[in-house]
Amino acid sequence: MSDPIEVRVGGKTVKDAVAANDLQAIGRLSAALTTAARLAKTVRGRAMRGRFATQPGAYSVRRPYIVSKEYGDKIGIKKRSWPGSKAFHAQVARPVANISGGMWEGIRVRNFGVSGAVIEFAGRSLGSEIKMRKRGKPNQRVMVANRKKAAQVYFRLKLNPLQPTDREIEGIGAAVTQLAAKATSFGVEPKITRASGDLILARELVADIEAGRVTRYL
């Protein structure tokens, strides 16, 4: 998924913050927001390939797993019920935590205080649950908060979908090291070559910060 990451400052998009002339806050937060946005894109891309920082727990086999017609149509299946979530996920054969891309479409970065940033799930997307109507069709679609979806993944599978890997954390460290080295190298261009961690993430992050690319994630 290559869609942009939404970035917010004080509840506003970066574009609205610029329009409101809140440039001081943007300048103070730019490195944190840019780092979080680049990490969010990296984590999302990895998760959509079924790779997570930790191993997910086992699926439930204790109670029936039923999905709405709309949810089934979205993921391309006609069956509506299984003896448990384990059987459901075995049939759809898609990576855990991203059966629907809706949750990942809601990923967002926002400021945390005056100098920090956090990655979170925002908005709502189609859930697998069904809602019984008093009249008409009983299989009504249900929109679920993406934050709630992520919480369910954690409580059911003991998996934090947004947790970075050790290599990603080391990659951020490598980027910081290169930026610091460049600032003190008196014109000599340092390169990330032997650093540990995710070097692709490191190079992309260095390029983002040097170009001031917070607004690229609008």
Protein backbone atom coordinates (compact mmCIF):
# COMPACT_ATOMS: atom_id res chain seq x y z
CA MET A 1 0.00 0.00 0.00
CA SER A 2 1.59 3.27 -1.13
CA ASP A 3 -1.12 5.68 -0.02
CA PRO A 4 0.10 8.74 1.89
CA ILE A 5 0.16 8.88 5.67
CA GLU A 6 -2.06 11.53 7.22
CA VAL A 7 -0.09 13.86 9.51
CA ARG A 8 -1.76 16.16 12.02
CA VAL A 9 -0.45 19.00 14.20
CA GLY A 10 -2.67 20.19 17.03
CA GLY A 11 -5.66 18.47 15.45
CA LYS A 12 -5.06 20.11 12.04
CA THR A 13 -3.60 18.62 8.89
CA VAL A 14 -0.19 20.01 7.98
CA LYS A 15 -1.83 21.96 5.18
CA ASP A 16 -4.34 23.56 7.58
CA ALA A 17 -1.59 24.24 10.14
CA VAL A 18 0.39 26.08 7.47
CA ALA A 19 -2.70 28.04 6.47
CA ALA A 20 -3.21 28.97 10.12
CA ASN A 21 0.40 30.22 10.19
CA ASP A 22 1.28 27.69 12.89
CA LEU A 23 4.79 27.42 11.47
CA GLN A 24 6.52 27.53 14.84
CA ALA A 25 4.79 24.34 15.95
CA ILE A 26 5.51 22.66 12.61
CA GLY A 27 9.18 23.61 12.77
CA ARG A 28 9.52 22.33 16.31
CA LEU A 29 7.82 19.04 15.47
CA SER A 30 9.02 18.47 11.91
CA ALA A 31 11.75 15.92 12.69
CA ALA A 32 9.49 13.90 14.99
CA LEU A 33 6.56 13.98 12.56
CA THR A 34 8.73 13.11 9.57
CA THR A 35 10.38 10.23 11.43
CA ALA A 36 7.02 8.85 12.60
CA ALA A 37 5.47 9.20 9.13
CA ARG A 38 8.35 7.38 7.41
CA LEU A 39 8.28 4.65 10.07
CA ALA A 40 4.49 4.35 9.68
CA LYS A 41 4.84 3.79 5.93
CA THR A 42 7.53 1.16 6.54
CA VAL A 43 5.52 -0.67 9.21
CA ARG A 44 2.35 -0.58 7.10
CA GLY A 45 4.11 -1.98 4.03
CA ARG A 46 5.66 -4.77 6.09
CA ALA A 47 2.39 -5.62 7.85
CA MET A 48 0.49 -5.81 4.58
CA ARG A 49 2.98 -8.50 3.55
CA GLY A 50 2.12 -10.44 6.71
CA ARG A 51 5.31 -9.62 8.61
CA PHE A 52 5.15 -8.32 12.18
CA ALA A 53 7.61 -7.45 14.91
CA THR A 54 6.41 -10.37 17.05
CA GLN A 55 4.79 -13.71 16.36
CA PRO A 56 0.96 -13.56 16.59
CA GLY A 57 -0.84 -15.91 18.94
CA ALA A 58 -3.18 -18.70 17.90
CA TYR A 59 -6.63 -18.11 16.45
CA SER A 60 -9.67 -19.06 18.48
CA VAL A 61 -11.46 -22.36 17.93
CA ARG A 62 -13.93 -22.01 20.80
CA ARG A 63 -16.88 -20.25 19.17
CA PRO A 64 -18.38 -19.85 15.68
CA TYR A 65 -16.99 -17.08 13.49
CA ILE A 66 -19.64 -15.28 11.41
CA VAL A 67 -19.11 -12.41 8.98
CA SER A 68 -21.53 -10.07 7.27
CA LYS A 69 -22.35 -10.35 3.57
CA GLU A 70 -20.71 -6.99 2.87
CA TYR A 71 -17.50 -8.06 4.59
CA GLY A 72 -17.47 -11.36 2.72
CA ASP A 73 -17.98 -9.56 -0.58
CA LYS A 74 -15.11 -7.20 0.23
CA ILE A 75 -12.62 -10.01 0.76
CA GLY A 76 -14.05 -12.18 -2.02
CA ILE A 77 -15.74 -15.08 -0.20
CA LYS A 78 -19.33 -16.32 -0.25
CA LYS A 79 -19.31 -18.41 2.90
CA ARG A 80 -20.62 -16.65 6.01
CA SER A 81 -19.79 -18.89 9.00
CA TRP A 82 -16.96 -21.11 10.27
CA PRO A 83 -16.49 -23.20 13.43
CA GLY A 84 -13.92 -20.65 14.65
CA SER A 85 -11.67 -17.79 13.57
CA LYS A 86 -8.87 -20.30 12.93
CA ALA A 87 -10.94 -21.99 10.23
CA PHE A 88 -11.90 -18.62 8.74
CA HIS A 89 -8.33 -17.39 8.45
CA ALA A 90 -7.20 -20.75 7.08
CA GLN A 91 -9.70 -20.41 4.23
CA VAL A 92 -9.02 -16.80 3.30
CA ALA A 93 -5.25 -17.44 3.52
CA ARG A 94 -4.36 -13.79 3.96
CA PRO A 95 -1.97 -12.28 6.54
CA VAL A 96 -3.24 -11.74 10.06
CA ALA A 97 -4.35 -8.21 10.96
CA ASN A 98 -4.97 -7.13 7.37
CA ILE A 99 -7.87 -9.22 6.09
CA SER A 100 -9.34 -5.83 5.28
CA GLY A 101 -7.05 -3.00 4.32
CA GLY A 102 -9.51 -0.59 5.93
CA MET A 103 -7.69 -0.51 9.25
CA TRP A 104 -4.39 0.31 7.56
CA GLU A 105 -5.99 3.01 5.45
CA GLY A 106 -6.74 4.77 8.74
CA ILE A 107 -3.14 4.88 9.97
CA ARG A 108 -2.21 8.40 11.10
CA VAL A 109 0.65 10.36 12.66
CA ARG A 110 0.00 13.21 15.07
CA ASN A 111 2.01 15.31 17.43
CA PHE A 112 2.40 14.25 21.06
CA GLY A 113 2.97 17.37 23.11
CA VAL A 114 5.33 20.03 21.77
CA SER A 115 8.16 17.83 20.55
CA GLY A 116 6.95 14.26 20.03
CA ALA A 117 4.85 12.24 17.60
CA VAL A 118 2.80 9.05 17.75
CA ILE A 119 1.49 6.58 15.18
CA GLU A 120 -2.11 5.44 15.62
CA PHE A 121 -5.17 4.07 13.86
CA ALA A 122 -7.88 6.64 13.18
CA GLY A 123 -11.26 6.64 11.43
CA ARG A 124 -13.63 3.76 10.82
CA SER A 125 -13.81 0.90 8.33
CA LEU A 126 -15.97 -2.09 7.50
CA GLY A 127 -15.92 -4.74 10.21
CA SER A 128 -16.66 -8.45 10.01
CA GLU A 129 -19.45 -8.28 12.59
CA ILE A 130 -23.13 -8.46 11.74
CA LYS A 131 -25.86 -6.31 13.24
CA MET A 132 -29.35 -7.74 13.50
CA ARG A 133 -32.11 -5.48 12.18
CA LYS A 134 -35.60 -5.51 13.62
CA ARG A 135 -36.99 -5.52 10.11
CA GLY A 136 -35.61 -6.47 6.74
CA LYS A 137 -32.33 -8.23 6.11
CA PRO A 138 -30.57 -9.35 9.31
CA ASN A 139 -27.07 -9.21 7.82
CA GLN A 140 -26.39 -5.49 8.18
CA ARG A 141 -22.89 -4.09 7.63
CA VAL A 142 -21.13 -2.60 10.64
CA MET A 143 -18.51 0.14 10.56
CA VAL A 144 -15.93 -0.26 13.32
CA ALA A 145 -13.39 2.21 14.69
CA ASN A 146 -9.94 1.27 13.41
CA ARG A 147 -8.59 1.87 16.90
CA LYS A 148 -10.97 -0.83 18.15
CA LYS A 149 -9.88 -3.22 15.40
CA ALA A 150 -6.25 -2.81 16.42
CA ALA A 151 -7.18 -3.37 20.07
CA GLN A 152 -9.00 -6.58 19.15
CA VAL A 153 -5.93 -7.83 17.28
CA TYR A 154 -3.84 -7.18 20.37
CA PHE A 155 -6.20 -8.79 22.88
CA ARG A 156 -7.02 -11.81 20.72
CA LEU A 157 -3.60 -12.50 19.21
CA LYS A 158 -1.25 -10.66 21.59
CA LEU A 159 0.05 -8.73 18.60
CA ASN A 160 0.72 -5.00 18.34
CA PRO A 161 0.39 -4.32 14.58
CA LEU A 162 2.31 -1.03 14.84
CA GLN A 163 5.28 -2.32 16.82
CA PRO A 164 8.53 -1.59 14.94
CA THR A 165 11.13 -4.31 14.51
CA ASP A 166 14.59 -4.08 16.03
CA ARG A 167 16.02 -3.49 12.55
CA GLU A 168 13.67 -0.55 12.01
CA ILE A 169 14.64 1.00 15.34
CA GLU A 170 18.30 0.53 14.46
CA GLY A 171 17.62 2.07 11.05
CA ILE A 172 16.27 5.22 12.68
CA GLY A 173 19.41 5.30 14.83
CA ALA A 174 21.56 4.99 11.71
CA ALA A 175 19.72 7.93 10.13
CA VAL A 176 20.27 10.07 13.21
CA THR A 177 23.95 9.10 13.19
CA GLN A 178 24.35 10.14 9.55
CA LEU A 179 22.57 13.46 10.10
CA ALA A 180 24.77 14.20 13.11
CA ALA A 181 27.92 13.17 11.20
CA LYS A 182 26.99 15.37 8.28
CA ALA A 183 26.42 18.34 10.57
CA THR A 184 29.94 18.01 11.96
CA SER A 185 31.83 16.80 8.86
CA PHE A 186 32.80 20.22 7.47
CA GLY A 187 31.51 19.51 3.98
CA VAL A 188 32.47 15.85 3.76
CA GLU A 189 29.49 13.70 2.73
CA PRO A 190 29.12 10.74 5.14
CA LYS A 191 27.39 7.61 3.86
CA ILE A 192 25.38 4.88 5.56
CA THR A 193 27.30 1.75 4.61
CA ARG A 194 28.20 -0.40 7.60
CA ALA A 195 25.47 0.64 9.99
CA SER A 196 23.15 -2.03 11.36
CA GLY A 197 19.40 -2.09 10.93
CA ASP A 198 17.05 -1.27 8.07
CA LEU A 199 19.31 0.79 5.80
CA ILE A 200 16.54 1.47 3.28
CA LEU A 201 14.48 3.06 6.04
CA ALA A 202 17.57 4.97 7.21
CA ARG A 203 18.31 6.42 3.78
CA GLU A 204 14.68 7.33 3.13
CA LEU A 205 14.43 9.02 6.52
CA VAL A 206 17.62 11.03 5.97
CA ALA A 207 16.26 12.21 2.61
CA ASP A 208 12.90 13.11 4.19
CA ILE A 209 14.42 15.15 7.00
CA GLU A 210 16.93 16.94 4.78
CA ALA A 211 14.16 17.89 2.35
CA GLY A 212 11.69 18.86 5.11
CA ARG A 213 9.12 16.51 3.67
CA VAL A 214 6.44 16.62 6.37
CA THR A 215 4.01 17.95 3.75
CA ARG A 216 4.63 14.99 1.39
CA TYR A 217 2.37 12.93 3.66
CA LEU A 218 -0.74 15.10 3.17
